[in-house]
């Protein structure tokens, strides 16, 4: 059985990383694994898709924390 998807592990970040840290790391990894610069574009596409999934999950999660924390009240 495959382990659960851990977006922090995919991006190489500690749990509880800030939105700024998440965004910075995502951009770094995406530049490194972009299909246009990779020697293996097919694999790079797979990696970029996984990075995107992790990024979206974490940004949504951290956004919910901001909203639930009533920072807009």
Protein backbone atom coordinates (compact mmCIF):
# COMPACT_ATOMS: atom_id res chain seq x y z
CA UNK A 1 0.00 0.00 0.00
CA UNK A 2 1.28 3.44 -0.92
CA UNK A 3 1.88 5.97 1.84
CA UNK A 4 -0.36 9.00 2.07
CA UNK A 5 0.65 12.02 0.00
CA UNK A 6 2.62 14.45 2.18
CA UNK A 7 2.92 17.83 0.48
CA UNK A 8 5.53 19.00 2.98
CA UNK A 9 7.73 16.04 2.09
CA UNK A 10 7.27 16.64 -1.64
CA UNK A 11 8.47 20.23 -1.26
CA UNK A 12 11.12 19.32 1.31
CA UNK A 13 9.68 21.61 3.97
CA UNK A 14 9.08 21.19 7.69
CA UNK A 15 5.48 20.82 8.79
CA UNK A 16 4.05 24.20 9.67
CA UNK A 17 6.10 26.12 7.09
CA UNK A 18 4.81 29.62 6.33
CA UNK A 19 3.04 30.60 3.12
CA UNK A 20 6.14 32.57 2.13
CA UNK A 21 8.41 29.54 2.65
CA UNK A 22 6.02 27.31 0.69
CA UNK A 23 5.87 29.69 -2.25
CA UNK A 24 9.64 30.21 -2.34
CA UNK A 25 10.44 26.48 -2.24
CA UNK A 26 7.78 25.66 -4.84
CA UNK A 27 9.23 28.19 -7.26
CA UNK A 28 12.78 26.93 -6.70
CA UNK A 29 11.81 23.33 -7.36
CA UNK A 30 9.61 24.17 -10.31
CA UNK A 31 12.46 26.05 -12.00
CA UNK A 32 14.77 23.08 -11.43
CA UNK A 33 12.28 20.51 -12.74
CA UNK A 34 10.66 22.50 -15.54
CA UNK A 35 10.21 20.38 -18.70
CA UNK A 36 11.95 23.02 -20.85
CA UNK A 37 15.22 22.77 -18.89
CA UNK A 38 15.20 19.11 -17.90
CA UNK A 39 17.10 16.36 -19.69
CA UNK A 40 14.03 14.15 -19.27
CA UNK A 41 10.97 16.31 -20.12
CA UNK A 42 8.48 13.49 -19.52
CA UNK A 43 9.74 12.86 -15.99
CA UNK A 44 10.01 16.61 -15.37
CA UNK A 45 6.34 16.97 -16.29
CA UNK A 46 5.41 14.33 -13.71
CA UNK A 47 7.51 16.04 -11.05
CA UNK A 48 6.06 19.46 -11.90
CA UNK A 49 2.54 18.04 -11.58
CA UNK A 50 3.36 16.57 -8.16
CA UNK A 51 4.91 19.85 -7.03
CA UNK A 52 1.81 21.71 -8.19
CA UNK A 53 -0.45 19.35 -6.28
CA UNK A 54 1.60 19.79 -3.10
CA UNK A 55 1.68 23.56 -3.51
CA UNK A 56 -2.08 23.85 -4.02
CA UNK A 57 -2.78 21.62 -1.02
CA UNK A 58 -0.52 23.62 1.28
CA UNK A 59 -1.68 27.02 0.09
CA UNK A 60 -5.29 25.99 0.56
CA UNK A 61 -4.49 24.60 4.01
CA UNK A 62 -2.64 27.73 5.13
CA UNK A 63 -5.38 29.96 3.69
CA UNK A 64 -7.98 28.09 5.75
CA UNK A 65 -5.85 28.70 8.85
CA UNK A 66 -5.80 32.43 8.09
CA UNK A 67 -9.56 32.58 7.53
CA UNK A 68 -10.37 30.47 10.58
CA UNK A 69 -8.02 32.59 12.67
CA UNK A 70 -10.32 35.57 12.04
CA UNK A 71 -7.48 37.71 10.72
CA UNK A 72 -10.04 39.49 8.56
CA UNK A 73 -12.32 40.49 11.42
